[in-house]
């Protein structure tokens, strides 16, 4: 996966999100929104420690470039999302909450679809 394939994955996630919304698959919608948000968050540039500068928002001067995620970045992010869900499933199992554990495992399987 290159920079363009990372962008293709984001497009695919957003396309799948729209399809899940149309088909009223609430659990998948929630998961895909979380994945899109995680990628958007990872693309946010770090906050500078300098003084806050006021911008004229109509001029476009407030726009900043987002970080471009590459193949390894997207893969690491998705692997982390899978790991979080698998860890949550183990904890739910430990607490005897089988339904929640199964839901976490199902989410992890959905995320795995994007690790092609």
PDB file of N, CA and C in Angstrom:
ATOM      1  N   UNK A   1       0.854  -1.166   0.000  1.00  0.00           N
ATOM      2  CA  UNK A   1       0.000   0.000   0.000  1.00  0.00           C
ATOM      3  C   UNK A   1       0.899   1.227   0.000  1.00  0.00           C
ATOM      4  N   UNK A   2       0.741   2.101  -0.945  1.00  0.00           N
ATOM      5  CA  UNK A   2       1.509   3.332  -1.030  1.00  0.00           C
ATOM      6  C   UNK A   2       0.654   4.477  -0.524  1.00  0.00           C
ATOM      7  N   UNK A   3       1.166   5.705  -0.676  1.00  0.00           N
ATOM      8  CA  UNK A   3       0.393   6.880  -0.272  1.00  0.00           C
ATOM      9  C   UNK A   3      -0.954   6.898  -0.989  1.00  0.00           C
ATOM     10  N   UNK A   4      -0.960   6.592  -2.291  1.00  0.00           N
ATOM     11  CA  UNK A   4      -2.223   6.599  -3.034  1.00  0.00           C
ATOM     12  C   UNK A   4      -3.132   5.450  -2.598  1.00  0.00           C
ATOM     13  N   UNK A   5      -2.549   4.312  -2.239  1.00  0.00           N
ATOM     14  CA  UNK A   5      -3.397   3.225  -1.767  1.00  0.00           C
ATOM     15  C   UNK A   5      -3.918   3.511  -0.355  1.00  0.00           C
ATOM     16  N   UNK A   6      -3.159   4.288   0.431  1.00  0.00           N
ATOM     17  CA  UNK A   6      -3.664   4.713   1.742  1.00  0.00           C
ATOM     18  C   UNK A   6      -4.874   5.622   1.542  1.00  0.00           C
ATOM     19  N   UNK A   7      -4.792   6.513   0.567  1.00  0.00           N
ATOM     20  CA  UNK A   7      -5.941   7.361   0.258  1.00  0.00           C
ATOM     21  C   UNK A   7      -7.095   6.527  -0.262  1.00  0.00           C
ATOM     22  N   UNK A   8      -6.785   5.510  -1.045  1.00  0.00           N
ATOM     23  CA  UNK A   8      -7.837   4.626  -1.552  1.00  0.00           C
ATOM     24  C   UNK A   8      -8.534   3.903  -0.408  1.00  0.00           C
ATOM     25  N   UNK A   9      -7.781   3.534   0.630  1.00  0.00           N
ATOM     26  CA  UNK A   9      -8.396   2.875   1.773  1.00  0.00           C
ATOM     27  C   UNK A   9      -9.350   3.822   2.496  1.00  0.00           C
ATOM     28  N   UNK A  10      -8.948   5.086   2.627  1.00  0.00           N
ATOM     29  CA  UNK A  10      -9.831   6.063   3.271  1.00  0.00           C
ATOM     30  C   UNK A  10     -11.106   6.247   2.460  1.00  0.00           C
ATOM     31  N   UNK A  11     -10.963   6.293   1.155  1.00  0.00           N
ATOM     32  CA  UNK A  11     -12.140   6.407   0.290  1.00  0.00           C
ATOM     33  C   UNK A  11     -13.021   5.177   0.460  1.00  0.00           C
ATOM     34  N   UNK A  12     -12.406   3.994   0.525  1.00  0.00           N
ATOM     35  CA  UNK A  12     -13.166   2.755   0.697  1.00  0.00           C
ATOM     36  C   UNK A  12     -13.910   2.750   2.027  1.00  0.00           C
ATOM     37  N   UNK A  13     -13.250   3.187   3.089  1.00  0.00           N
ATOM     38  CA  UNK A  13     -13.904   3.258   4.396  1.00  0.00           C
ATOM     39  C   UNK A  13     -15.119   4.171   4.357  1.00  0.00           C
ATOM     40  N   UNK A  14     -14.959   5.324   3.719  1.00  0.00           N
ATOM     41  CA  UNK A  14     -16.073   6.275   3.653  1.00  0.00           C
ATOM     42  C   UNK A  14     -17.199   5.736   2.763  1.00  0.00           C
ATOM     43  N   UNK A  15     -16.859   5.035   1.704  1.00  0.00           N
ATOM     44  CA  UNK A  15     -17.868   4.420   0.840  1.00  0.00           C
ATOM     45  C   UNK A  15     -18.617   3.331   1.608  1.00  0.00           C
ATOM     46  N   UNK A  16     -17.877   2.506   2.321  1.00  0.00           N
ATOM     47  CA  UNK A  16     -18.504   1.456   3.126  1.00  0.00           C
ATOM     48  C   UNK A  16     -19.362   2.048   4.241  1.00  0.00           C
ATOM     49  N   UNK A  17     -18.936   3.173   4.790  1.00  0.00           N
ATOM     50  CA  UNK A  17     -19.721   3.851   5.820  1.00  0.00           C
ATOM     51  C   UNK A  17     -21.073   4.292   5.259  1.00  0.00           C
ATOM     52  N   UNK A  18     -21.045   4.908   4.093  1.00  0.00           N
ATOM     53  CA  UNK A  18     -22.315   5.342   3.472  1.00  0.00           C
ATOM     54  C   UNK A  18     -23.220   4.154   3.189  1.00  0.00           C
ATOM     55  N   UNK A  19     -22.656   3.056   2.701  1.00  0.00           N
ATOM     56  CA  UNK A  19     -23.455   1.860   2.419  1.00  0.00           C
ATOM     57  C   UNK A  19     -24.048   1.296   3.705  1.00  0.00           C
ATOM     58  N   UNK A  20     -23.252   1.238   4.773  1.00  0.00           N
ATOM     59  CA  UNK A  20     -23.754   0.728   6.052  1.00  0.00           C
ATOM     60  C   UNK A  20     -24.861   1.623   6.605  1.00  0.00           C
ATOM     61  N   UNK A  21     -24.729   2.929   6.395  1.00  0.00           N
ATOM     62  CA  UNK A  21     -25.771   3.854   6.856  1.00  0.00           C
ATOM     63  C   UNK A  21     -27.070   3.627   6.097  1.00  0.00           C
ATOM     64  N   UNK A  22     -26.953   3.466   4.781  1.00  0.00           N
ATOM     65  CA  UNK A  22     -28.151   3.239   3.967  1.00  0.00           C
ATOM     66  C   UNK A  22     -28.841   1.940   4.354  1.00  0.00           C
ATOM     67  N   UNK A  23     -28.049   0.926   4.700  1.00  0.00           N
ATOM     68  CA  UNK A  23     -28.601  -0.378   5.053  1.00  0.00           C
ATOM     69  C   UNK A  23     -28.902  -0.498   6.544  1.00  0.00           C
ATOM     70  N   UNK A  24     -28.727   0.588   7.274  1.00  0.00           N
ATOM     71  CA  UNK A  24     -29.057   0.674   8.707  1.00  0.00           C
ATOM     72  C   UNK A  24     -28.353  -0.393   9.551  1.00  0.00           C
ATOM     73  N   UNK A  25     -27.067  -0.599   9.243  1.00  0.00           N
ATOM     74  CA  UNK A  25     -26.250  -1.519  10.044  1.00  0.00           C
ATOM     75  C   UNK A  25     -25.529  -0.684  11.108  1.00  0.00           C
ATOM     76  N   UNK A  26     -26.234  -0.442  12.203  1.00  0.00           N
ATOM     77  CA  UNK A  26     -25.781   0.512  13.218  1.00  0.00           C
ATOM     78  C   UNK A  26     -24.409   0.168  13.792  1.00  0.00           C
ATOM     79  N   UNK A  27     -24.167  -1.085  14.091  1.00  0.00           N
ATOM     80  CA  UNK A  27     -22.877  -1.467  14.659  1.00  0.00           C
ATOM     81  C   UNK A  27     -21.728  -1.206  13.706  1.00  0.00           C
ATOM     82  N   UNK A  28     -21.935  -1.531  12.450  1.00  0.00           N
ATOM     83  CA  UNK A  28     -20.889  -1.293  11.454  1.00  0.00           C
ATOM     84  C   UNK A  28     -20.687   0.199  11.213  1.00  0.00           C
ATOM     85  N   UNK A  29     -21.779   0.960  11.226  1.00  0.00           N
ATOM     86  CA  UNK A  29     -21.671   2.415  11.075  1.00  0.00           C
ATOM     87  C   UNK A  29     -20.808   2.981  12.194  1.00  0.00           C
ATOM     88  N   UNK A  30     -21.081   2.570  13.422  1.00  0.00           N
ATOM     89  CA  UNK A  30     -20.332   3.057  14.582  1.00  0.00           C
ATOM     90  C   UNK A  30     -18.840   2.714  14.430  1.00  0.00           C
ATOM     91  N   UNK A  31     -18.554   1.496  14.009  1.00  0.00           N
ATOM     92  CA  UNK A  31     -17.168   1.067  13.841  1.00  0.00           C
ATOM     93  C   UNK A  31     -16.476   1.844  12.726  1.00  0.00           C
ATOM     94  N   UNK A  32     -17.120   1.966  11.581  1.00  0.00           N
ATOM     95  CA  UNK A  32     -16.495   2.667  10.456  1.00  0.00           C
ATOM     96  C   UNK A  32     -16.280   4.145  10.766  1.00  0.00           C
ATOM     97  N   UNK A  33     -17.207   4.751  11.481  1.00  0.00           N
ATOM     98  CA  UNK A  33     -16.996   6.143  11.907  1.00  0.00           C
ATOM     99  C   UNK A  33     -15.775   6.240  12.811  1.00  0.00           C
ATOM    100  N   UNK A  34     -15.615   5.281  13.695  1.00  0.00           N
ATOM    101  CA  UNK A  34     -14.462   5.282  14.594  1.00  0.00           C
ATOM    102  C   UNK A  34     -13.156   5.117  13.804  1.00  0.00           C
ATOM    103  N   UNK A  35     -13.167   4.267  12.780  1.00  0.00           N
ATOM    104  CA  UNK A  35     -11.961   4.077  11.969  1.00  0.00           C
ATOM    105  C   UNK A  35     -11.620   5.333  11.175  1.00  0.00           C
ATOM    106  N   UNK A  36     -12.628   5.947  10.571  1.00  0.00           N
ATOM    107  CA  UNK A  36     -12.398   7.187   9.819  1.00  0.00           C
ATOM    108  C   UNK A  36     -11.871   8.266  10.762  1.00  0.00           C
ATOM    109  N   UNK A  37     -12.450   8.371  11.951  1.00  0.00           N
ATOM    110  CA  UNK A  37     -11.996   9.367  12.927  1.00  0.00           C
ATOM    111  C   UNK A  37     -10.566   9.093  13.368  1.00  0.00           C
ATOM    112  N   UNK A  38     -10.218   7.821  13.554  1.00  0.00           N
ATOM    113  CA  UNK A  38      -8.858   7.470  13.966  1.00  0.00           C
ATOM    114  C   UNK A  38      -7.850   7.881  12.891  1.00  0.00           C
ATOM    115  N   UNK A  39      -8.198   7.667  11.635  1.00  0.00           N
ATOM    116  CA  UNK A  39      -7.306   8.071  10.542  1.00  0.00           C
ATOM    117  C   UNK A  39      -7.213   9.584  10.476  1.00  0.00           C
ATOM    118  N   UNK A  40      -8.357  10.261  10.558  1.00  0.00           N
ATOM    119  CA  UNK A  40      -8.339  11.730  10.534  1.00  0.00           C
ATOM    120  C   UNK A  40      -7.503  12.278  11.686  1.00  0.00           C
ATOM    121  N   UNK A  41      -7.635  11.682  12.850  1.00  0.00           N
ATOM    122  CA  UNK A  41      -6.860  12.125  14.008  1.00  0.00           C
ATOM    123  C   UNK A  41      -5.362  11.915  13.773  1.00  0.00           C
ATOM    124  N   UNK A  42      -5.016  10.775  13.192  1.00  0.00           N
ATOM    125  CA  UNK A  42      -3.600  10.483  12.926  1.00  0.00           C
ATOM    126  C   UNK A  42      -3.011  11.429  11.886  1.00  0.00           C
ATOM    127  N   UNK A  43      -3.864  11.975  11.014  1.00  0.00           N
ATOM    128  CA  UNK A  43      -3.400  12.899   9.978  1.00  0.00           C
ATOM    129  C   UNK A  43      -3.267  14.335  10.480  1.00  0.00           C
ATOM    130  N   UNK A  44      -3.763  14.607  11.673  1.00  0.00           N
ATOM    131  CA  UNK A  44      -3.700  15.965  12.198  1.00  0.00           C
ATOM    132  C   UNK A  44      -2.249  16.312  12.537  1.00  0.00           C
ATOM    133  N   UNK A  45      -1.799  17.477  12.112  1.00  0.00           N
ATOM    134  CA  UNK A  45      -0.432  17.866  12.447  1.00  0.00           C
ATOM    135  C   UNK A  45      -0.319  18.174  13.938  1.00  0.00           C
ATOM    136  N   UNK A  46       0.864  18.014  14.489  1.00  0.00           N
ATOM    137  CA  UNK A  46       1.025  18.311  15.919  1.00  0.00           C
ATOM    138  C   UNK A  46       0.792  19.793  16.193  1.00  0.00           C
ATOM    139  N   UNK A  47       0.277  20.057  17.375  1.00  0.00           N
ATOM    140  CA  UNK A  47       0.052  21.452  17.761  1.00  0.00           C
ATOM    141  C   UNK A  47       1.406  22.098  18.022  1.00  0.00           C
ATOM    142  N   UNK A  48       1.560  23.315  17.549  1.00  0.00           N
ATOM    143  CA  UNK A  48       2.817  24.018  17.792  1.00  0.00           C
ATOM    144  C   UNK A  48       2.789  24.618  19.193  1.00  0.00           C
ATOM    145  N   UNK A  49       3.950  24.751  19.758  1.00  0.00           N
ATOM    146  CA  UNK A  49       4.045  25.301  21.105  1.00  0.00           C
ATOM    147  C   UNK A  49       4.107  26.824  21.073  1.00  0.00           C
ATOM    148  N   UNK A  50       4.105  27.392  19.894  1.00  0.00           N
ATOM    149  CA  UNK A  50       4.211  28.842  19.761  1.00  0.00           C
ATOM    150  C   UNK A  50       2.907  29.553  20.069  1.00  0.00           C
ATOM    151  N   UNK A  51       2.916  30.855  19.908  1.00  0.00           N
ATOM    152  CA  UNK A  51       1.717  31.636  20.204  1.00  0.00           C
ATOM    153  C   UNK A  51       0.598  31.336  19.206  1.00  0.00           C
ATOM    154  N   UNK A  52      -0.623  31.497  19.666  1.00  0.00           N
ATOM    155  CA  UNK A  52      -1.787  31.282  18.809  1.00  0.00           C
ATOM    156  C   UNK A  52      -1.942  32.499  17.902  1.00  0.00           C
ATOM    157  N   UNK A  53      -2.081  32.250  16.600  1.00  0.00           N
ATOM    158  CA  UNK A  53      -2.216  33.317  15.623  1.00  0.00           C
ATOM    159  C   UNK A  53      -3.664  33.383  15.170  1.00  0.00           C
ATOM    160  N   UNK A  54      -4.226  34.578  15.207  1.00  0.00           N
ATOM    161  CA  UNK A  54      -5.596  34.766  14.735  1.00  0.00           C
ATOM    162  C   UNK A  54      -5.589  34.792  13.209  1.00  0.00           C
ATOM    163  N   UNK A  55      -6.568  34.119  12.608  1.00  0.00           N
ATOM    164  CA  UNK A  55      -6.631  34.036  11.152  1.00  0.00           C
ATOM    165  C   UNK A  55      -7.932  34.633  10.658  1.00  0.00           C
ATOM    166  N   UNK A  56      -7.872  35.098   9.441  1.00  0.00           N
ATOM    167  CA  UNK A  56      -9.081  35.515   8.744  1.00  0.00           C
ATOM    168  C   UNK A  56      -9.599  34.266   8.041  1.00  0.00           C
ATOM    169  N   UNK A  57     -10.658  33.650   8.571  1.00  0.00           N
ATOM    170  CA  UNK A  57     -11.107  32.366   8.076  1.00  0.00           C
ATOM    171  C   UNK A  57     -11.667  32.428   6.660  1.00  0.00           C
ATOM    172  N   UNK A  58     -12.009  33.590   6.196  1.00  0.00           N
ATOM    173  CA  UNK A  58     -12.535  33.705   4.835  1.00  0.00           C
ATOM    174  C   UNK A  58     -11.420  33.723   3.795  1.00  0.00           C
ATOM    175  N   UNK A  59     -10.194  33.974   4.230  1.00  0.00           N
ATOM    176  CA  UNK A  59      -9.083  34.050   3.289  1.00  0.00           C
ATOM    177  C   UNK A  59      -8.435  32.701   3.030  1.00  0.00           C
ATOM    178  N   UNK A  60      -8.775  31.700   3.830  1.00  0.00           N
ATOM    179  CA  UNK A  60      -8.141  30.396   3.691  1.00  0.00           C
ATOM    180  C   UNK A  60      -6.824  30.302   4.427  1.00  0.00           C
ATOM    181  N   UNK A  61      -6.444  31.378   5.140  1.00  0.00           N
ATOM    182  CA  UNK A  61      -5.153  31.377   5.827  1.00  0.00           C
ATOM    183  C   UNK A  61      -5.142  30.433   7.025  1.00  0.00           C
ATOM    184  N   UNK A  62      -6.312  29.994   7.461  1.00  0.00           N
ATOM    185  CA  UNK A  62      -6.377  29.093   8.613  1.00  0.00           C
ATOM    186  C   UNK A  62      -6.196  27.639   8.215  1.00  0.00           C
ATOM    187  N   UNK A  63      -6.149  27.380   6.941  1.00  0.00           N
ATOM    188  CA  UNK A  63      -5.996  26.007   6.469  1.00  0.00           C
ATOM    189  C   UNK A  63      -4.546  25.567   6.623  1.00  0.00           C
ATOM    190  N   UNK A  64      -4.368  24.368   7.134  1.00  0.00           N
ATOM    191  CA  UNK A  64      -3.036  23.798   7.241  1.00  0.00           C
ATOM    192  C   UNK A  64      -3.046  22.426   6.583  1.00  0.00           C
ATOM    193  N   UNK A  65      -1.906  22.024   6.119  1.00  0.00           N
ATOM    194  CA  UNK A  65      -1.801  20.718   5.476  1.00  0.00           C
ATOM    195  C   UNK A  65      -1.869  19.623   6.522  1.00  0.00           C
ATOM    196  N   UNK A  66      -2.596  18.570   6.189  1.00  0.00           N
ATOM    197  CA  UNK A  66      -2.676  17.408   7.063  1.00  0.00           C
ATOM    198  C   UNK A  66      -1.478  16.513   6.761  1.00  0.00           C
ATOM    199  N   UNK A  67      -1.117  15.709   7.713  1.00  0.00           N
ATOM    200  CA  UNK A  67      -0.028  14.763   7.500  1.00  0.00           C
ATOM    201  C   UNK A  67      -0.502  13.678   6.549  1.00  0.00           C
ATOM    202  N   UNK A  68       0.350  13.265   5.663  1.00  0.00           N
ATOM    203  CA  UNK A  68       0.011  12.177   4.752  1.00  0.00           C
ATOM    204  C   UNK A  68       0.423  10.850   5.366  1.00  0.00           C
ATOM    205  N   UNK A  69      -0.531   9.973   5.555  1.00  0.00           N
ATOM    206  CA  UNK A  69      -0.212   8.666   6.119  1.00  0.00           C
ATOM    207  C   UNK A  69       0.181   7.711   4.999  1.00  0.00           C
ATOM    208  N   UNK A  70       1.181   6.943   5.249  1.00  0.00           N
ATOM    209  CA  UNK A  70       1.615   5.947   4.288  1.00  0.00           C
ATOM    210  C   UNK A  70       1.069   4.577   4.636  1.00  0.00           C
ATOM    211  N   UNK A  71       1.519   3.603   3.893  1.00  0.00           N
ATOM    212  CA  UNK A  71       1.065   2.215   4.068  1.00  0.00           C
ATOM    213  C   UNK A  71       1.290   1.716   5.487  1.00  0.00           C
ATOM    214  N   UNK A  72       2.486   1.901   5.985  1.00  0.00           N
ATOM    215  CA  UNK A  72       2.817   1.398   7.324  1.00  0.00           C
ATOM    216  C   UNK A  72       1.993   2.096   8.396  1.00  0.00           C
ATOM    217  N   UNK A  73       1.753   3.395   8.211  1.00  0.00           N
ATOM    218  CA  UNK A  73       0.970   4.154   9.193  1.00  0.00           C
ATOM    219  C   UNK A  73      -0.463   3.636   9.276  1.00  0.00           C
ATOM    220  N   UNK A  74      -1.085   3.431   8.116  1.00  0.00           N
ATOM    221  CA  UNK A  74      -2.469   2.946   8.086  1.00  0.00           C
ATOM    222  C   UNK A  74      -2.530   1.527   8.655  1.00  0.00           C
ATOM    223  N   UNK A  75      -1.584   0.692   8.249  1.00  0.00           N
ATOM    224  CA  UNK A  75      -1.556  -0.686   8.741  1.00  0.00           C
ATOM    225  C   UNK A  75      -1.390  -0.708  10.261  1.00  0.00           C
ATOM    226  N   UNK A  76      -0.465   0.087  10.782  1.00  0.00           N
ATOM    227  CA  UNK A  76      -0.256   0.145  12.232  1.00  0.00           C
ATOM    228  C   UNK A  76      -1.515   0.612  12.952  1.00  0.00           C
ATOM    229  N   UNK A  77      -2.175   1.600  12.388  1.00  0.00           N
ATOM    230  CA  UNK A  77      -3.396   2.107  12.996  1.00  0.00           C
ATOM    231  C   UNK A  77      -4.463   1.019  13.046  1.00  0.00           C
ATOM    232  N   UNK A  78      -4.657   0.315  11.929  1.00  0.00           N
ATOM    233  CA  UNK A  78      -5.675  -0.736  11.887  1.00  0.00           C
ATOM    234  C   UNK A  78      -5.326  -1.902  12.805  1.00  0.00           C
ATOM    235  N   UNK A  79      -4.054  -2.279  12.842  1.00  0.00           N
ATOM    236  CA  UNK A  79      -3.623  -3.352  13.742  1.00  0.00           C
ATOM    237  C   UNK A  79      -3.879  -2.940  15.190  1.00  0.00           C
ATOM    238  N   UNK A  80      -3.634  -1.677  15.508  1.00  0.00           N
ATOM    239  CA  UNK A  80      -3.918  -1.187  16.848  1.00  0.00           C
ATOM    240  C   UNK A  80      -5.401  -1.242  17.181  1.00  0.00           C
ATOM    241  N   UNK A  81      -6.245  -0.887  16.202  1.00  0.00           N
ATOM    242  CA  UNK A  81      -7.696  -0.946  16.414  1.00  0.00           C
ATOM    243  C   UNK A  81      -8.146  -2.390  16.647  1.00  0.00           C
ATOM    244  N   UNK A  82      -7.570  -3.315  15.898  1.00  0.00           N
ATOM    245  CA  UNK A  82      -7.897  -4.735  16.083  1.00  0.00           C
ATOM    246  C   UNK A  82      -7.455  -5.185  17.472  1.00  0.00           C
ATOM    247  N   UNK A  83      -6.247  -4.813  17.856  1.00  0.00           N
ATOM    248  CA  UNK A  83      -5.726  -5.184  19.162  1.00  0.00           C
ATOM    249  C   UNK A  83      -6.589  -4.661  20.304  1.00  0.00           C
ATOM    250  N   UNK A  84      -7.043  -3.434  20.182  1.00  0.00           N
ATOM    251  CA  UNK A  84      -7.915  -2.865  21.225  1.00  0.00           C
ATOM    252  C   UNK A  84      -9.198  -3.679  21.363  1.00  0.00           C
ATOM    253  N   UNK A  85      -9.773  -4.065  20.233  1.00  0.00           N
ATOM    254  CA  UNK A  85     -11.022  -4.824  20.275  1.00  0.00           C
ATOM    255  C   UNK A  85     -10.806  -6.240  20.805  1.00  0.00           C
ATOM    256  N   UNK A  86      -9.694  -6.857  20.421  1.00  0.00           N
ATOM    257  CA  UNK A  86      -9.406  -8.196  20.934  1.00  0.00           C
ATOM    258  C   UNK A  86      -9.133  -8.160  22.435  1.00  0.00           C
ATOM    259  N   UNK A  87      -8.440  -7.124  22.892  1.00  0.00           N
ATOM    260  CA  UNK A  87      -8.188  -6.974  24.325  1.00  0.00           C
ATOM    261  C   UNK A  87      -9.496  -6.751  25.077  1.00  0.00           C
ATOM    262  N   UNK A  88     -10.376  -5.929  24.513  1.00  0.00           N
ATOM    263  CA  UNK A  88     -11.683  -5.689  25.142  1.00  0.00           C
ATOM    264  C   UNK A  88     -12.490  -6.987  25.192  1.00  0.00           C
ATOM    265  N   UNK A  89     -12.406  -7.793  24.131  1.00  0.00           N
ATOM    266  CA  UNK A  89     -13.135  -9.068  24.107  1.00  0.00           C
ATOM    267  C   UNK A  89     -12.636  -9.988  25.221  1.00  0.00           C
ATOM    268  N   UNK A  90     -11.335 -10.038  25.414  1.00  0.00           N
ATOM    269  CA  UNK A  90     -10.780 -10.859  26.496  1.00  0.00           C
ATOM    270  C   UNK A  90     -11.272 -10.380  27.858  1.00  0.00           C
ATOM    271  N   UNK A  91     -11.313  -9.072  28.030  1.00  0.00           N
ATOM    272  CA  UNK A  91     -11.790  -8.525  29.305  1.00  0.00           C
ATOM    273  C   UNK A  91     -13.274  -8.827  29.511  1.00  0.00           C
ATOM    274  N   UNK A  92     -14.065  -8.692  28.444  1.00  0.00           N
ATOM    275  CA  UNK A  92     -15.486  -9.036  28.549  1.00  0.00           C
ATOM    276  C   UNK A  92     -15.662 -10.520  28.878  1.00  0.00           C
ATOM    277  N   UNK A  93     -14.849 -11.372  28.258  1.00  0.00           N
ATOM    278  CA  UNK A  93     -14.897 -12.805  28.581  1.00  0.00           C
ATOM    279  C   UNK A  93     -14.595 -13.032  30.063  1.00  0.00           C
ATOM    280  N   UNK A  94     -13.570 -12.362  30.547  1.00  0.00           N
ATOM    281  CA  UNK A  94     -13.181 -12.501  31.947  1.00  0.00           C
ATOM    282  C   UNK A  94     -14.323 -12.103  32.881  1.00  0.00           C
ATOM    283  N   UNK A  95     -15.099 -11.107  32.454  1.00  0.00           N
ATOM    284  CA  UNK A  95     -16.215 -10.626  33.267  1.00  0.00           C
ATOM    285  C   UNK A  95     -17.501 -11.418  33.033  1.00  0.00           C
ATOM    286  N   UNK A  96     -17.444 -12.393  32.124  1.00  0.00           N
ATOM    287  CA  UNK A  96     -18.625 -13.198  31.843  1.00  0.00           C
ATOM    288  C   UNK A  96     -19.637 -12.514  30.952  1.00  0.00           C
ATOM    289  N   UNK A  97     -19.198 -11.526  30.184  1.00  0.00           N
ATOM    290  CA  UNK A  97     -20.083 -10.781  29.281  1.00  0.00           C
ATOM    291  C   UNK A  97     -19.852 -11.261  27.850  1.00  0.00           C
ATOM    292  N   UNK A  98     -20.392 -12.434  27.558  1.00  0.00           N
ATOM    293  CA  UNK A  98     -20.124 -13.090  26.282  1.00  0.00           C
ATOM    294  C   UNK A  98     -20.654 -12.301  25.083  1.00  0.00           C
ATOM    295  N   UNK A  99     -21.824 -11.676  25.222  1.00  0.00           N
ATOM    296  CA  UNK A  99     -22.388 -10.915  24.100  1.00  0.00           C
ATOM    297  C   UNK A  99     -21.483  -9.753  23.702  1.00  0.00           C
ATOM    298  N   UNK A 100     -20.998  -9.021  24.697  1.00  0.00           N
ATOM    299  CA  UNK A 100     -20.105  -7.904  24.400  1.00  0.00           C
ATOM    300  C   UNK A 100     -18.777  -8.395  23.831  1.00  0.00           C
ATOM    301  N   UNK A 101     -18.286  -9.533  24.352  1.00  0.00           N
ATOM    302  CA  UNK A 101     -17.040 -10.096  23.837  1.00  0.00           C
ATOM    303  C   UNK A 101     -17.197 -10.477  22.371  1.00  0.00           C
ATOM    304  N   UNK A 102     -18.309 -11.104  22.055  1.00  0.00           N
ATOM    305  CA  UNK A 102     -18.552 -11.490  20.658  1.00  0.00           C
ATOM    306  C   UNK A 102     -18.677 -10.270  19.750  1.00  0.00           C
ATOM    307  N   UNK A 103     -19.294  -9.208  20.259  1.00  0.00           N
ATOM    308  CA  UNK A 103     -19.421  -7.971  19.471  1.00  0.00           C
ATOM    309  C   UNK A 103     -18.041  -7.379  19.175  1.00  0.00           C
ATOM    310  N   UNK A 104     -17.146  -7.425  20.150  1.00  0.00           N
ATOM    311  CA  UNK A 104     -15.788  -6.906  19.934  1.00  0.00           C
ATOM    312  C   UNK A 104     -15.036  -7.754  18.913  1.00  0.00           C
ATOM    313  N   UNK A 105     -15.221  -9.071  18.990  1.00  0.00           N
ATOM    314  CA  UNK A 105     -14.570  -9.948  18.006  1.00  0.00           C
ATOM    315  C   UNK A 105     -15.127  -9.714  16.603  1.00  0.00           C
ATOM    316  N   UNK A 106     -16.415  -9.480  16.507  1.00  0.00           N
ATOM    317  CA  UNK A 106     -17.032  -9.197  15.207  1.00  0.00           C
ATOM    318  C   UNK A 106     -16.476  -7.895  14.636  1.00  0.00           C
ATOM    319  N   UNK A 107     -16.300  -6.882  15.477  1.00  0.00           N
ATOM    320  CA  UNK A 107     -15.715  -5.624  15.011  1.00  0.00           C
ATOM    321  C   UNK A 107     -14.282  -5.847  14.530  1.00  0.00           C
ATOM    322  N   UNK A 108     -13.508  -6.648  15.268  1.00  0.00           N
ATOM    323  CA  UNK A 108     -12.126  -6.920  14.864  1.00  0.00           C
ATOM    324  C   UNK A 108     -12.092  -7.600  13.495  1.00  0.00           C
ATOM    325  N   UNK A 109     -13.049  -8.489  13.242  1.00  0.00           N
ATOM    326  CA  UNK A 109     -13.115  -9.146  11.926  1.00  0.00           C
ATOM    327  C   UNK A 109     -13.415  -8.145  10.819  1.00  0.00           C
ATOM    328  N   UNK A 110     -14.280  -7.189  11.098  1.00  0.00           N
ATOM    329  CA  UNK A 110     -14.594  -6.161  10.094  1.00  0.00           C
ATOM    330  C   UNK A 110     -13.351  -5.333   9.801  1.00  0.00           C
ATOM    331  N   UNK A 111     -12.615  -4.952  10.826  1.00  0.00           N
ATOM    332  CA  UNK A 111     -11.409  -4.150  10.616  1.00  0.00           C
ATOM    333  C   UNK A 111     -10.385  -4.931   9.797  1.00  0.00           C
ATOM    334  N   UNK A 112     -10.301  -6.249  10.034  1.00  0.00           N
ATOM    335  CA  UNK A 112      -9.350  -7.089   9.286  1.00  0.00           C
ATOM    336  C   UNK A 112      -9.596  -7.041   7.781  1.00  0.00           C
ATOM    337  N   UNK A 113     -10.830  -6.768   7.361  1.00  0.00           N
ATOM    338  CA  UNK A 113     -11.122  -6.672   5.917  1.00  0.00           C
ATOM    339  C   UNK A 113     -10.250  -5.636   5.243  1.00  0.00           C
ATOM    340  N   UNK A 114      -9.852  -4.626   5.983  1.00  0.00           N
ATOM    341  CA  UNK A 114      -9.090  -3.518   5.401  1.00  0.00           C
ATOM    342  C   UNK A 114      -7.581  -3.721   5.463  1.00  0.00           C
ATOM    343  N   UNK A 115      -7.142  -4.854   5.954  1.00  0.00           N
ATOM    344  CA  UNK A 115      -5.701  -5.139   6.041  1.00  0.00           C
ATOM    345  C   UNK A 115      -5.179  -5.925   4.844  1.00  0.00           C
ATOM    346  N   UNK A 116      -5.859  -5.911   3.760  1.00  0.00           N
ATOM    347  CA  UNK A 116      -5.464  -6.681   2.561  1.00  0.00           C
ATOM    348  C   UNK A 116      -4.029  -6.459   2.188  1.00  0.00           C
TER     349      UNK A 116
END
